[in-house]
Each structure stands twice: as C-alpha cells, then as structure tokens.
Amino acid sequence: MTIPVRYANPAALLYGLEMFAVGVCAVSGALAAARKKMDVFGLVVTAIVSAIGGGTVRDLLLDHRPVFWIANTTFLWLPALVALATAAYARVWPVSTYALTIADALGLALFTISGAKLALNDGSAFLIAVLMGVTTGVAGGAIRDVLCGEIPRIFKGEIYATVSLTGAAAFVGLQRAGVSLVLSGSIAAALIIALRVSAIFWGIKLEPVALATAKVTQALDLQR
C-alpha cells in the first residue's frame, strides 16, 4: 500500500515563520525599551514597532493597501503580548544573550525573505525585490533604535544590513533561476544566519568613515 506524502503549504509555512519572526523582534524591542527604563506603554509600543516597522515601510513603498497589520491584527496582538511576557520573564530570570542572538539572526532571515518574496509576487525588478527584502529585515530595528534615542546599529558598523542584502540577493537570484521557494528560502536563510552569527562571534564590523585629518574637521567647524 502506498502512503501519500503531504508537503507543507509554502504560503502557510511562510506565514508561520513570519509570526515567529514577529515574536523574536518583539522580544528584542521589549528588552531595548527596558534597558532605557521605559514604562509598560513605551515597552509595548517599542516592541510593536520593532516587529512591524519594516513590513509597514515595505507595504507603503509597494503601495499595498491595506497595510498588512491592518488586514490582520494578529500582527499587533502578538508583539504586544510577547512584550508583556518578556518584561515579566526578564524581571525574574536573565535572558540568554546566545539564544537571543540566534533568534534575532533567524528573524532577520525570515523578514528579509518574506519581504523579497512579496516584491517578487508584485513583479518587481531584481534590485527592487532585494531592497524590499532588506527594508523588511532592518527598518523595524532602525526605528526601534531611534525611539530608544540611539543611532541605528545598522549605521554603527554592525554587519546586519549587509547580511540582509547578501541574503536577499541570493534569494531573489535563486527564485529568478527557477529554484523552488522552500529550497531558495532555506539557502538564503542559512546564508544570513551563518554570516550574522559569524560576524558576532568573530567581532567583525565595518570601519567607520573618518575624516583625513583633524585640521579638516577644525576648518569645517569654524565655517559653521
């Protein structure tokens, strides 16, 4: 007797992975707000912005109406509840930095892939699809950092947006070559996670742009 093999629906799988990514980003947003001594309202808002900020910018740029979290309010409820749970947990037990690093890398990969895939579904060009993947992956964290009164870490040498860009380009290229969604997504996700974790482990960062001499800086300051 032949037993039929049932494969997971790619759309349902992608939705589940997006929800996981939303939860992970909400955790990082809640912890960032807690470090800045925000109250519970600020903590929840920061967590939600971290989770849906990138997707919101993407939908606005692609002219998707309504924005995804208006069409499906689960994307609002989930990060809010995760933020409250994170705050309660962190008051009693320490949060594992290692686990959060791995989860954050996975969240970056999932958001990057989902954003690029959505742009491809719209028939966007290669470059636009890649940029939408990067926007979905990093914009929420950048907005979170601004709310916390910091320069976004993607501008401070972190190998973060660069990793997202590399993974998005790989994913879009594989999709254009006819590779299946599951395989191309798996390859791109593995690439993003490996590069991000390696950068953290080895302490690899982009060097800041510095002016040639102190005299140039002083001259510019005097002109102001």
N, C-alpha and C. Protein backbone atom coordinates (compact mmCIF):
# COMPACT_ATOMS: atom_id res chain seq x y z
N MET A 1 0.85 -1.20 0.00
CA MET A 1 0.00 0.00 0.00
C MET A 1 0.88 1.24 0.00
N THR A 2 0.53 2.17 -0.88
CA THR A 2 1.30 3.40 -1.00
C THR A 2 0.75 4.46 -0.05
N ILE A 3 1.63 5.00 0.75
CA ILE A 3 1.22 6.05 1.69
C ILE A 3 1.50 7.41 1.06
N PRO A 4 0.46 8.23 0.86
CA PRO A 4 0.68 9.54 0.23
C PRO A 4 1.51 10.45 1.12
N VAL A 5 2.41 11.17 0.50
CA VAL A 5 3.26 12.12 1.22
C VAL A 5 2.69 13.52 1.06
N ARG A 6 2.45 14.18 2.15
CA ARG A 6 1.88 15.53 2.12
C ARG A 6 2.96 16.54 2.47
N TYR A 7 3.14 17.49 1.57
CA TYR A 7 4.14 18.53 1.79
C TYR A 7 3.46 19.77 2.38
N ALA A 8 4.22 20.49 3.16
CA ALA A 8 3.68 21.70 3.78
C ALA A 8 3.34 22.75 2.71
N ASN A 9 2.25 23.44 2.93
CA ASN A 9 1.86 24.52 2.03
C ASN A 9 2.87 25.65 2.20
N PRO A 10 3.57 26.05 1.12
CA PRO A 10 4.59 27.10 1.25
C PRO A 10 4.05 28.40 1.83
N ALA A 11 2.81 28.76 1.44
CA ALA A 11 2.22 30.00 1.95
C ALA A 11 1.98 29.92 3.46
N ALA A 12 1.44 28.77 3.90
CA ALA A 12 1.18 28.59 5.33
C ALA A 12 2.50 28.53 6.10
N LEU A 13 3.50 27.89 5.52
CA LEU A 13 4.80 27.81 6.16
C LEU A 13 5.42 29.20 6.31
N LEU A 14 5.33 30.01 5.25
CA LEU A 14 5.89 31.35 5.29
C LEU A 14 5.18 32.21 6.32
N TYR A 15 3.85 32.05 6.42
CA TYR A 15 3.07 32.81 7.41
C TYR A 15 3.50 32.45 8.83
N GLY A 16 3.67 31.15 9.07
CA GLY A 16 4.10 30.72 10.40
C GLY A 16 5.48 31.24 10.76
N LEU A 17 6.38 31.25 9.78
CA LEU A 17 7.73 31.76 10.01
C LEU A 17 7.71 33.27 10.25
N GLU A 18 6.83 33.98 9.54
CA GLU A 18 6.70 35.42 9.76
C GLU A 18 6.23 35.71 11.19
N MET A 19 5.29 34.92 11.68
CA MET A 19 4.81 35.10 13.05
C MET A 19 5.92 34.86 14.05
N PHE A 20 6.76 33.87 13.78
CA PHE A 20 7.89 33.62 14.66
C PHE A 20 8.84 34.81 14.65
N ALA A 21 9.11 35.34 13.45
CA ALA A 21 10.00 36.50 13.34
C ALA A 21 9.43 37.70 14.07
N VAL A 22 8.12 37.90 13.98
CA VAL A 22 7.46 39.00 14.69
C VAL A 22 7.68 38.86 16.19
N GLY A 23 7.53 37.64 16.69
CA GLY A 23 7.74 37.41 18.12
C GLY A 23 9.17 37.69 18.55
N VAL A 24 10.13 37.25 17.74
CA VAL A 24 11.55 37.47 18.07
C VAL A 24 11.88 38.95 18.10
N CYS A 25 11.42 39.69 17.09
CA CYS A 25 11.69 41.13 17.05
C CYS A 25 11.00 41.86 18.18
N ALA A 26 9.85 41.37 18.60
CA ALA A 26 9.15 41.98 19.74
C ALA A 26 9.96 41.79 21.01
N VAL A 27 10.60 40.64 21.17
CA VAL A 27 11.44 40.40 22.34
C VAL A 27 12.61 41.38 22.37
N SER A 28 13.28 41.55 21.22
CA SER A 28 14.42 42.47 21.18
C SER A 28 13.98 43.90 21.43
N GLY A 29 12.81 44.28 20.91
CA GLY A 29 12.29 45.62 21.14
C GLY A 29 11.93 45.85 22.60
N ALA A 30 11.33 44.85 23.23
CA ALA A 30 10.96 44.98 24.64
C ALA A 30 12.20 45.10 25.53
N LEU A 31 13.22 44.32 25.23
CA LEU A 31 14.45 44.38 26.02
C LEU A 31 15.16 45.71 25.85
N ALA A 32 15.15 46.23 24.60
CA ALA A 32 15.78 47.53 24.35
C ALA A 32 15.05 48.63 25.12
N ALA A 33 13.72 48.57 25.16
CA ALA A 33 12.94 49.56 25.89
C ALA A 33 13.18 49.45 27.39
N ALA A 34 13.29 48.22 27.88
CA ALA A 34 13.53 48.02 29.32
C ALA A 34 14.88 48.58 29.73
N ARG A 35 15.88 48.44 28.86
CA ARG A 35 17.21 48.99 29.18
C ARG A 35 17.18 50.51 29.26
N LYS A 36 16.24 51.13 28.55
CA LYS A 36 16.11 52.59 28.57
C LYS A 36 15.13 53.06 29.65
N LYS A 37 14.71 52.14 30.52
CA LYS A 37 13.84 52.46 31.65
C LYS A 37 12.48 53.00 31.20
N MET A 38 11.96 52.53 30.09
CA MET A 38 10.64 52.95 29.64
C MET A 38 9.56 52.30 30.50
N ASP A 39 8.38 52.94 30.53
CA ASP A 39 7.26 52.34 31.24
C ASP A 39 6.64 51.26 30.36
N VAL A 40 5.57 50.61 30.85
CA VAL A 40 5.00 49.47 30.14
C VAL A 40 4.42 49.89 28.79
N PHE A 41 3.86 51.11 28.70
CA PHE A 41 3.33 51.58 27.42
C PHE A 41 4.45 51.75 26.39
N GLY A 42 5.53 52.40 26.82
CA GLY A 42 6.67 52.57 25.92
C GLY A 42 7.27 51.25 25.50
N LEU A 43 7.30 50.30 26.44
CA LEU A 43 7.85 48.98 26.13
C LEU A 43 7.03 48.27 25.06
N VAL A 44 5.71 48.31 25.20
CA VAL A 44 4.83 47.64 24.23
C VAL A 44 4.92 48.33 22.86
N VAL A 45 4.91 49.65 22.85
CA VAL A 45 4.99 50.38 21.58
C VAL A 45 6.30 50.08 20.87
N THR A 46 7.40 50.10 21.62
CA THR A 46 8.71 49.83 21.02
C THR A 46 8.77 48.41 20.46
N ALA A 47 8.19 47.47 21.18
CA ALA A 47 8.18 46.08 20.72
C ALA A 47 7.37 45.93 19.43
N ILE A 48 6.21 46.59 19.38
CA ILE A 48 5.36 46.50 18.19
C ILE A 48 6.06 47.14 17.00
N VAL A 49 6.66 48.30 17.22
CA VAL A 49 7.37 48.99 16.12
C VAL A 49 8.52 48.13 15.61
N SER A 50 9.24 47.49 16.52
CA SER A 50 10.34 46.61 16.11
C SER A 50 9.84 45.46 15.24
N ALA A 51 8.65 44.96 15.58
CA ALA A 51 8.13 43.79 14.90
C ALA A 51 7.51 44.10 13.55
N ILE A 52 6.83 45.25 13.43
CA ILE A 52 6.07 45.53 12.20
C ILE A 52 6.59 46.72 11.41
N GLY A 53 7.62 47.39 11.94
CA GLY A 53 8.12 48.61 11.28
C GLY A 53 8.62 48.35 9.87
N GLY A 54 9.44 47.30 9.70
CA GLY A 54 9.99 47.01 8.38
C GLY A 54 8.93 46.65 7.37
N GLY A 55 7.99 45.82 7.77
CA GLY A 55 6.91 45.43 6.87
C GLY A 55 6.00 46.59 6.51
N THR A 56 5.83 47.52 7.46
CA THR A 56 5.00 48.69 7.19
C THR A 56 5.64 49.58 6.13
N VAL A 57 6.93 49.85 6.28
CA VAL A 57 7.64 50.65 5.28
C VAL A 57 7.59 49.96 3.92
N ARG A 58 7.78 48.66 3.91
CA ARG A 58 7.72 47.90 2.65
C ARG A 58 6.36 48.04 1.98
N ASP A 59 5.29 47.85 2.75
CA ASP A 59 3.94 47.92 2.17
C ASP A 59 3.65 49.31 1.63
N LEU A 60 4.11 50.34 2.33
CA LEU A 60 3.88 51.71 1.86
C LEU A 60 4.65 51.96 0.56
N LEU A 61 5.88 51.46 0.48
CA LEU A 61 6.68 51.66 -0.73
C LEU A 61 6.09 50.89 -1.92
N LEU A 62 5.55 49.71 -1.65
CA LEU A 62 4.96 48.90 -2.72
C LEU A 62 3.49 49.24 -2.98
N ASP A 63 2.98 50.22 -2.20
CA ASP A 63 1.58 50.66 -2.34
C ASP A 63 0.60 49.52 -2.10
N HIS A 64 0.86 48.74 -1.04
CA HIS A 64 -0.06 47.68 -0.65
C HIS A 64 -1.08 48.25 0.33
N ARG A 65 -2.34 48.16 -0.04
CA ARG A 65 -3.41 48.66 0.82
C ARG A 65 -4.45 47.56 1.03
N PRO A 66 -4.90 47.35 2.28
CA PRO A 66 -4.39 47.97 3.50
C PRO A 66 -3.03 47.38 3.90
N VAL A 67 -2.32 48.11 4.75
CA VAL A 67 -1.06 47.61 5.30
C VAL A 67 -1.34 46.29 6.03
N PHE A 68 -0.38 45.39 6.02
CA PHE A 68 -0.60 44.01 6.47
C PHE A 68 -1.17 43.90 7.87
N TRP A 69 -0.75 44.78 8.80
CA TRP A 69 -1.24 44.64 10.17
C TRP A 69 -2.62 45.24 10.35
N ILE A 70 -3.09 45.99 9.37
CA ILE A 70 -4.49 46.44 9.39
C ILE A 70 -5.38 45.31 8.87
N ALA A 71 -4.89 44.61 7.87
CA ALA A 71 -5.64 43.48 7.31
C ALA A 71 -5.68 42.31 8.27
N ASN A 72 -4.64 42.14 9.07
CA ASN A 72 -4.56 41.02 10.02
C ASN A 72 -3.99 41.54 11.34
N THR A 73 -4.88 41.79 12.29
CA THR A 73 -4.46 42.41 13.55
C THR A 73 -3.67 41.47 14.46
N THR A 74 -3.53 40.22 14.06
CA THR A 74 -2.67 39.31 14.82
C THR A 74 -1.25 39.85 14.88
N PHE A 75 -0.85 40.58 13.84
CA PHE A 75 0.49 41.17 13.81
C PHE A 75 0.65 42.30 14.83
N LEU A 76 -0.45 42.76 15.42
CA LEU A 76 -0.39 43.74 16.50
C LEU A 76 -0.50 43.07 17.86
N TRP A 77 -1.44 42.13 17.97
CA TRP A 77 -1.64 41.46 19.25
C TRP A 77 -0.44 40.62 19.66
N LEU A 78 0.13 39.92 18.71
CA LEU A 78 1.25 39.02 19.05
C LEU A 78 2.44 39.76 19.66
N PRO A 79 2.97 40.82 19.01
CA PRO A 79 4.12 41.50 19.63
C PRO A 79 3.78 42.18 20.95
N ALA A 80 2.53 42.65 21.10
CA ALA A 80 2.13 43.26 22.36
C ALA A 80 2.16 42.24 23.50
N LEU A 81 1.61 41.07 23.24
CA LEU A 81 1.61 40.02 24.27
C LEU A 81 3.01 39.50 24.54
N VAL A 82 3.80 39.36 23.49
CA VAL A 82 5.18 38.90 23.66
C VAL A 82 5.98 39.91 24.48
N ALA A 83 5.74 41.21 24.25
CA ALA A 83 6.43 42.25 25.01
C ALA A 83 6.12 42.15 26.49
N LEU A 84 4.86 41.97 26.82
CA LEU A 84 4.47 41.85 28.23
C LEU A 84 5.06 40.59 28.86
N ALA A 85 5.04 39.49 28.10
CA ALA A 85 5.62 38.24 28.61
C ALA A 85 7.12 38.38 28.81
N THR A 86 7.77 39.08 27.89
CA THR A 86 9.22 39.29 28.00
C THR A 86 9.56 40.11 29.23
N ALA A 87 8.78 41.17 29.46
CA ALA A 87 9.01 42.02 30.63
C ALA A 87 8.84 41.23 31.92
N ALA A 88 7.81 40.40 31.97
CA ALA A 88 7.58 39.59 33.17
C ALA A 88 8.70 38.57 33.38
N TYR A 89 9.12 37.94 32.29
CA TYR A 89 10.19 36.94 32.38
C TYR A 89 11.51 37.57 32.81
N ALA A 90 11.84 38.72 32.20
CA ALA A 90 13.14 39.36 32.45
C ALA A 90 13.23 39.91 33.87
N ARG A 91 12.11 40.13 34.54
CA ARG A 91 12.14 40.60 35.93
C ARG A 91 12.58 39.50 36.89
N VAL A 92 12.45 38.24 36.44
CA VAL A 92 12.75 37.10 37.32
C VAL A 92 14.00 36.36 36.88
N TRP A 93 14.11 36.12 35.56
CA TRP A 93 15.22 35.33 35.04
C TRP A 93 16.00 36.13 34.01
N PRO A 94 17.29 35.90 33.92
CA PRO A 94 18.09 36.59 32.89
C PRO A 94 17.77 36.02 31.50
N VAL A 95 17.83 36.87 30.49
CA VAL A 95 17.58 36.44 29.12
C VAL A 95 18.89 35.99 28.50
N SER A 96 18.90 34.82 27.91
CA SER A 96 20.10 34.27 27.30
C SER A 96 20.51 35.10 26.09
N THR A 97 21.68 35.71 26.17
CA THR A 97 22.18 36.50 25.04
C THR A 97 22.43 35.62 23.83
N TYR A 98 22.95 34.43 24.06
CA TYR A 98 23.23 33.50 22.96
C TYR A 98 21.94 33.12 22.22
N ALA A 99 20.93 32.74 22.99
CA ALA A 99 19.66 32.35 22.37
C ALA A 99 19.03 33.52 21.62
N LEU A 100 19.13 34.72 22.20
CA LEU A 100 18.54 35.89 21.56
C LEU A 100 19.29 36.24 20.27
N THR A 101 20.60 36.04 20.26
CA THR A 101 21.40 36.32 19.07
C THR A 101 21.00 35.39 17.93
N ILE A 102 20.85 34.11 18.22
CA ILE A 102 20.44 33.14 17.20
C ILE A 102 19.03 33.44 16.71
N ALA A 103 18.13 33.73 17.65
CA ALA A 103 16.75 34.03 17.28
C ALA A 103 16.65 35.31 16.45
N ASP A 104 17.46 36.32 16.81
CA ASP A 104 17.46 37.57 16.07
C ASP A 104 17.97 37.36 14.65
N ALA A 105 19.00 36.54 14.49
CA ALA A 105 19.52 36.23 13.16
C ALA A 105 18.47 35.50 12.34
N LEU A 106 17.73 34.60 12.97
CA LEU A 106 16.68 33.88 12.27
C LEU A 106 15.55 34.82 11.88
N GLY A 107 15.20 35.74 12.79
CA GLY A 107 14.17 36.73 12.48
C GLY A 107 14.57 37.62 11.32
N LEU A 108 15.84 38.04 11.29
CA LEU A 108 16.34 38.84 10.18
C LEU A 108 16.21 38.08 8.87
N ALA A 109 16.57 36.80 8.90
CA ALA A 109 16.48 35.98 7.68
C ALA A 109 15.04 35.85 7.20
N LEU A 110 14.13 35.58 8.12
CA LEU A 110 12.74 35.36 7.74
C LEU A 110 12.09 36.63 7.20
N PHE A 111 12.35 37.76 7.85
CA PHE A 111 11.78 39.02 7.37
C PHE A 111 12.37 39.40 6.02
N THR A 112 13.66 39.19 5.85
CA THR A 112 14.30 39.52 4.57
C THR A 112 13.69 38.71 3.44
N ILE A 113 13.53 37.43 3.67
CA ILE A 113 12.99 36.54 2.63
C ILE A 113 11.53 36.87 2.34
N SER A 114 10.74 37.11 3.37
CA SER A 114 9.31 37.39 3.14
C SER A 114 9.13 38.71 2.39
N GLY A 115 9.95 39.71 2.71
CA GLY A 115 9.85 40.98 2.01
C GLY A 115 10.24 40.87 0.55
N ALA A 116 11.32 40.13 0.28
CA ALA A 116 11.74 39.93 -1.10
C ALA A 116 10.71 39.14 -1.88
N LYS A 117 10.14 38.12 -1.25
CA LYS A 117 9.13 37.29 -1.93
C LYS A 117 7.89 38.10 -2.27
N LEU A 118 7.46 38.96 -1.37
CA LEU A 118 6.29 39.79 -1.62
C LEU A 118 6.53 40.71 -2.81
N ALA A 119 7.73 41.28 -2.89
CA ALA A 119 8.06 42.15 -4.02
C ALA A 119 8.11 41.36 -5.33
N LEU A 120 8.62 40.15 -5.27
CA LEU A 120 8.65 39.30 -6.46
C LEU A 120 7.23 38.96 -6.93
N ASN A 121 6.34 38.72 -5.98
CA ASN A 121 4.94 38.44 -6.33
C ASN A 121 4.30 39.61 -7.05
N ASP A 122 4.80 40.82 -6.78
CA ASP A 122 4.28 42.02 -7.45
C ASP A 122 4.93 42.22 -8.82
N GLY A 123 5.88 41.37 -9.17
CA GLY A 123 6.58 41.53 -10.44
C GLY A 123 7.67 42.57 -10.41
N SER A 124 8.20 42.88 -9.22
CA SER A 124 9.24 43.89 -9.09
C SER A 124 10.55 43.44 -9.73
N ALA A 125 11.36 44.40 -10.15
CA ALA A 125 12.67 44.11 -10.71
C ALA A 125 13.58 43.54 -9.64
N PHE A 126 14.69 42.96 -10.07
CA PHE A 126 15.65 42.31 -9.15
C PHE A 126 16.07 43.25 -8.03
N LEU A 127 16.51 44.44 -8.39
CA LEU A 127 17.02 45.38 -7.39
C LEU A 127 15.94 45.78 -6.40
N ILE A 128 14.74 46.04 -6.91
CA ILE A 128 13.64 46.45 -6.02
C ILE A 128 13.28 45.33 -5.06
N ALA A 129 13.24 44.10 -5.55
CA ALA A 129 12.91 42.97 -4.69
C ALA A 129 13.96 42.80 -3.59
N VAL A 130 15.22 42.98 -3.94
CA VAL A 130 16.29 42.89 -2.95
C VAL A 130 16.15 44.00 -1.90
N LEU A 131 15.90 45.22 -2.35
CA LEU A 131 15.77 46.35 -1.43
C LEU A 131 14.56 46.19 -0.51
N MET A 132 13.47 45.62 -1.04
CA MET A 132 12.30 45.39 -0.19
C MET A 132 12.59 44.33 0.86
N GLY A 133 13.41 43.35 0.50
CA GLY A 133 13.81 42.35 1.49
C GLY A 133 14.63 42.97 2.61
N VAL A 134 15.58 43.81 2.23
CA VAL A 134 16.42 44.48 3.23
C VAL A 134 15.58 45.42 4.09
N THR A 135 14.69 46.17 3.46
CA THR A 135 13.83 47.10 4.20
C THR A 135 12.99 46.36 5.23
N THR A 136 12.40 45.25 4.82
CA THR A 136 11.59 44.46 5.75
C THR A 136 12.43 43.92 6.89
N GLY A 137 13.68 43.57 6.59
CA GLY A 137 14.53 42.96 7.60
C GLY A 137 15.09 43.92 8.62
N VAL A 138 15.42 45.16 8.22
CA VAL A 138 16.18 46.03 9.11
C VAL A 138 15.47 47.32 9.54
N ALA A 139 14.43 47.73 8.83
CA ALA A 139 13.82 49.03 9.13
C ALA A 139 13.18 49.07 10.52
N GLY A 140 12.56 47.97 10.92
CA GLY A 140 11.93 47.94 12.24
C GLY A 140 12.94 48.16 13.36
N GLY A 141 14.10 47.51 13.25
CA GLY A 141 15.15 47.69 14.24
C GLY A 141 15.71 49.09 14.24
N ALA A 142 15.81 49.70 13.06
CA ALA A 142 16.32 51.07 12.97
C ALA A 142 15.36 52.04 13.66
N ILE A 143 14.06 51.86 13.43
CA ILE A 143 13.07 52.72 14.08
C ILE A 143 13.09 52.51 15.59
N ARG A 144 13.25 51.26 16.01
CA ARG A 144 13.36 50.95 17.45
C ARG A 144 14.52 51.70 18.08
N ASP A 145 15.67 51.70 17.42
CA ASP A 145 16.85 52.38 17.97
C ASP A 145 16.60 53.89 18.09
N VAL A 146 15.92 54.47 17.10
CA VAL A 146 15.61 55.90 17.15
C VAL A 146 14.70 56.20 18.34
N LEU A 147 13.68 55.35 18.56
CA LEU A 147 12.79 55.54 19.70
C LEU A 147 13.55 55.44 21.02
N CYS A 148 14.60 54.64 21.03
CA CYS A 148 15.41 54.47 22.23
C CYS A 148 16.51 55.52 22.34
N GLY A 149 16.51 56.50 21.42
CA GLY A 149 17.47 57.59 21.49
C GLY A 149 18.88 57.20 21.09
N GLU A 150 19.01 56.24 20.18
CA GLU A 150 20.32 55.79 19.75
C GLU A 150 20.45 55.88 18.22
N ILE A 151 21.69 55.97 17.76
CA ILE A 151 21.93 55.86 16.33
C ILE A 151 21.65 54.42 15.93
N PRO A 152 20.85 54.18 14.90
CA PRO A 152 20.55 52.80 14.50
C PRO A 152 21.83 51.98 14.32
N ARG A 153 21.81 50.79 14.85
CA ARG A 153 23.03 49.98 14.83
C ARG A 153 23.46 49.58 13.43
N ILE A 154 22.53 49.64 12.46
CA ILE A 154 22.91 49.34 11.08
C ILE A 154 23.83 50.41 10.52
N PHE A 155 23.93 51.57 11.21
CA PHE A 155 24.82 52.65 10.78
C PHE A 155 26.07 52.75 11.65
N LYS A 156 26.24 51.80 12.58
CA LYS A 156 27.36 51.89 13.51
C LYS A 156 28.34 50.73 13.35
N GLY A 157 28.45 50.20 12.15
CA GLY A 157 29.44 49.17 11.90
C GLY A 157 28.95 47.74 12.02
N GLU A 158 27.71 47.55 12.52
CA GLU A 158 27.19 46.19 12.66
C GLU A 158 27.02 45.54 11.28
N ILE A 159 27.47 44.27 11.17
CA ILE A 159 27.26 43.51 9.94
C ILE A 159 25.83 42.97 10.01
N TYR A 160 24.88 43.81 9.67
CA TYR A 160 23.46 43.48 9.81
C TYR A 160 22.72 43.71 8.50
N ALA A 161 22.67 44.98 8.07
CA ALA A 161 22.04 45.28 6.79
C ALA A 161 22.80 44.63 5.64
N THR A 162 24.12 44.57 5.76
CA THR A 162 24.95 43.94 4.73
C THR A 162 24.60 42.47 4.58
N VAL A 163 24.38 41.81 5.70
CA VAL A 163 24.00 40.40 5.69
C VAL A 163 22.63 40.22 5.05
N SER A 164 21.69 41.10 5.41
CA SER A 164 20.36 41.05 4.83
C SER A 164 20.42 41.26 3.32
N LEU A 165 21.24 42.20 2.88
CA LEU A 165 21.40 42.48 1.46
C LEU A 165 21.93 41.26 0.71
N THR A 166 22.94 40.61 1.30
CA THR A 166 23.52 39.42 0.67
C THR A 166 22.49 38.30 0.56
N GLY A 167 21.76 38.07 1.65
CA GLY A 167 20.75 37.01 1.64
C GLY A 167 19.61 37.29 0.69
N ALA A 168 19.17 38.55 0.65
CA ALA A 168 18.08 38.92 -0.26
C ALA A 168 18.49 38.74 -1.71
N ALA A 169 19.72 39.13 -2.04
CA ALA A 169 20.21 38.96 -3.41
C ALA A 169 20.29 37.49 -3.79
N ALA A 170 20.73 36.66 -2.85
CA ALA A 170 20.80 35.22 -3.11
C ALA A 170 19.41 34.64 -3.32
N PHE A 171 18.47 35.03 -2.48
CA PHE A 171 17.10 34.51 -2.59
C PHE A 171 16.45 34.91 -3.91
N VAL A 172 16.53 36.19 -4.25
CA VAL A 172 15.90 36.67 -5.48
C VAL A 172 16.57 36.03 -6.70
N GLY A 173 17.90 35.90 -6.66
CA GLY A 173 18.60 35.27 -7.76
C GLY A 173 18.17 33.82 -7.96
N LEU A 174 18.03 33.08 -6.87
CA LEU A 174 17.61 31.68 -6.95
C LEU A 174 16.18 31.57 -7.44
N GLN A 175 15.32 32.46 -6.96
CA GLN A 175 13.92 32.45 -7.42
C GLN A 175 13.83 32.75 -8.91
N ARG A 176 14.62 33.71 -9.38
CA ARG A 176 14.63 34.05 -10.80
C ARG A 176 15.17 32.88 -11.64
N ALA A 177 16.02 32.06 -11.02
CA ALA A 177 16.59 30.91 -11.73
C ALA A 177 15.65 29.71 -11.74
N GLY A 178 14.51 29.85 -11.09
CA GLY A 178 13.52 28.77 -11.10
C GLY A 178 13.63 27.81 -9.93
N VAL A 179 14.45 28.12 -8.94
CA VAL A 179 14.57 27.26 -7.76
C VAL A 179 13.31 27.40 -6.91
N SER A 180 12.87 26.32 -6.28
CA SER A 180 11.64 26.33 -5.50
C SER A 180 11.74 27.29 -4.32
N LEU A 181 10.58 27.72 -3.84
CA LEU A 181 10.54 28.66 -2.72
C LEU A 181 11.19 28.07 -1.48
N VAL A 182 10.89 26.82 -1.17
CA VAL A 182 11.44 26.20 0.04
C VAL A 182 12.96 26.10 -0.03
N LEU A 183 13.48 25.66 -1.17
CA LEU A 183 14.93 25.50 -1.30
C LEU A 183 15.65 26.84 -1.33
N SER A 184 15.16 27.77 -2.14
CA SER A 184 15.81 29.08 -2.22
C SER A 184 15.71 29.82 -0.90
N GLY A 185 14.57 29.70 -0.22
CA GLY A 185 14.43 30.34 1.08
C GLY A 185 15.34 29.72 2.12
N SER A 186 15.49 28.41 2.08
CA SER A 186 16.36 27.72 3.04
C SER A 186 17.82 28.12 2.83
N ILE A 187 18.24 28.20 1.58
CA ILE A 187 19.62 28.56 1.28
C ILE A 187 19.89 30.00 1.73
N ALA A 188 18.98 30.91 1.40
CA ALA A 188 19.16 32.31 1.77
C ALA A 188 19.14 32.48 3.29
N ALA A 189 18.23 31.79 3.96
CA ALA A 189 18.14 31.88 5.42
C ALA A 189 19.43 31.36 6.08
N ALA A 190 19.92 30.22 5.59
CA ALA A 190 21.16 29.66 6.14
C ALA A 190 22.33 30.62 5.93
N LEU A 191 22.35 31.28 4.77
CA LEU A 191 23.43 32.24 4.47
C LEU A 191 23.37 33.43 5.43
N ILE A 192 22.18 33.97 5.62
CA ILE A 192 22.01 35.13 6.51
C ILE A 192 22.40 34.78 7.94
N ILE A 193 21.90 33.65 8.43
CA ILE A 193 22.17 33.25 9.81
C ILE A 193 23.66 32.99 10.01
N ALA A 194 24.27 32.28 9.06
CA ALA A 194 25.69 31.96 9.18
C ALA A 194 26.55 33.23 9.18
N LEU A 195 26.25 34.16 8.28
CA LEU A 195 27.04 35.39 8.21
C LEU A 195 26.84 36.25 9.45
N ARG A 196 25.60 36.36 9.92
CA ARG A 196 25.32 37.20 11.08
C ARG A 196 25.96 36.64 12.34
N VAL A 197 25.80 35.35 12.57
CA VAL A 197 26.37 34.72 13.76
C VAL A 197 27.90 34.76 13.70
N SER A 198 28.46 34.54 12.53
CA SER A 198 29.92 34.59 12.37
C SER A 198 30.46 35.98 12.66
N ALA A 199 29.75 37.01 12.18
CA ALA A 199 30.17 38.39 12.42
C ALA A 199 30.18 38.70 13.92
N ILE A 200 29.18 38.21 14.63
CA ILE A 200 29.12 38.45 16.08
C ILE A 200 30.22 37.67 16.79
N PHE A 201 30.38 36.41 16.39
CA PHE A 201 31.36 35.54 17.06
C PHE A 201 32.78 36.06 16.87
N TRP A 202 33.10 36.50 15.67
CA TRP A 202 34.46 36.96 15.37
C TRP A 202 34.64 38.46 15.59
N GLY A 203 33.56 39.15 15.96
CA GLY A 203 33.65 40.59 16.21
C GLY A 203 33.93 41.40 14.96
N ILE A 204 33.40 40.96 13.83
CA ILE A 204 33.65 41.65 12.56
C ILE A 204 32.69 42.82 12.42
N LYS A 205 33.23 44.00 12.15
CA LYS A 205 32.41 45.19 11.97
C LYS A 205 32.95 46.01 10.80
N LEU A 206 32.09 46.86 10.26
CA LEU A 206 32.52 47.79 9.23
C LEU A 206 33.22 48.96 9.88
N GLU A 207 34.29 49.40 9.30
CA GLU A 207 35.04 50.52 9.85
C GLU A 207 34.28 51.83 9.64
N PRO A 208 34.26 52.70 10.64
CA PRO A 208 33.58 54.00 10.46
C PRO A 208 34.34 54.88 9.49
N VAL A 209 33.62 55.75 8.83
CA VAL A 209 34.24 56.71 7.91
C VAL A 209 34.84 57.84 8.73
N ALA A 210 36.12 58.09 8.54
CA ALA A 210 36.82 59.12 9.31
C ALA A 210 37.37 60.17 8.36
N LEU A 211 37.38 61.41 8.81
CA LEU A 211 37.99 62.48 8.02
C LEU A 211 39.51 62.31 8.00
N ALA A 212 40.13 62.83 6.96
CA ALA A 212 41.56 62.60 6.75
C ALA A 212 42.42 63.13 7.88
N THR A 213 42.16 64.37 8.31
CA THR A 213 42.99 64.98 9.37
C THR A 213 42.11 65.77 10.32
N ALA A 214 42.68 66.05 11.47
CA ALA A 214 41.97 66.87 12.46
C ALA A 214 41.80 68.29 11.96
N LYS A 215 42.75 68.77 11.12
CA LYS A 215 42.68 70.13 10.61
C LYS A 215 41.44 70.33 9.74
N VAL A 216 41.10 69.32 8.97
CA VAL A 216 39.91 69.42 8.12
C VAL A 216 38.67 69.57 8.99
N THR A 217 38.61 68.78 10.05
CA THR A 217 37.47 68.86 10.96
C THR A 217 37.37 70.24 11.60
N GLN A 218 38.51 70.77 12.05
CA GLN A 218 38.51 72.09 12.68
C GLN A 218 38.09 73.18 11.70
N ALA A 219 38.53 73.05 10.44
CA ALA A 219 38.17 74.05 9.43
C ALA A 219 36.68 74.03 9.17
N LEU A 220 36.10 72.83 9.10
CA LEU A 220 34.66 72.74 8.86
C LEU A 220 33.88 73.31 10.04
N ASP A 221 34.37 73.05 11.27
CA ASP A 221 33.69 73.57 12.46
C ASP A 221 33.73 75.09 12.48
N LEU A 222 34.85 75.69 12.06
CA LEU A 222 34.98 77.13 12.05
C LEU A 222 34.05 77.77 11.02
N GLN A 223 33.85 77.09 9.89
CA GLN A 223 32.95 77.61 8.85
C GLN A 223 31.51 77.65 9.31
N ARG A 224 31.16 76.74 10.23
CA ARG A 224 29.79 76.74 10.74
C ARG A 224 29.56 77.90 11.70
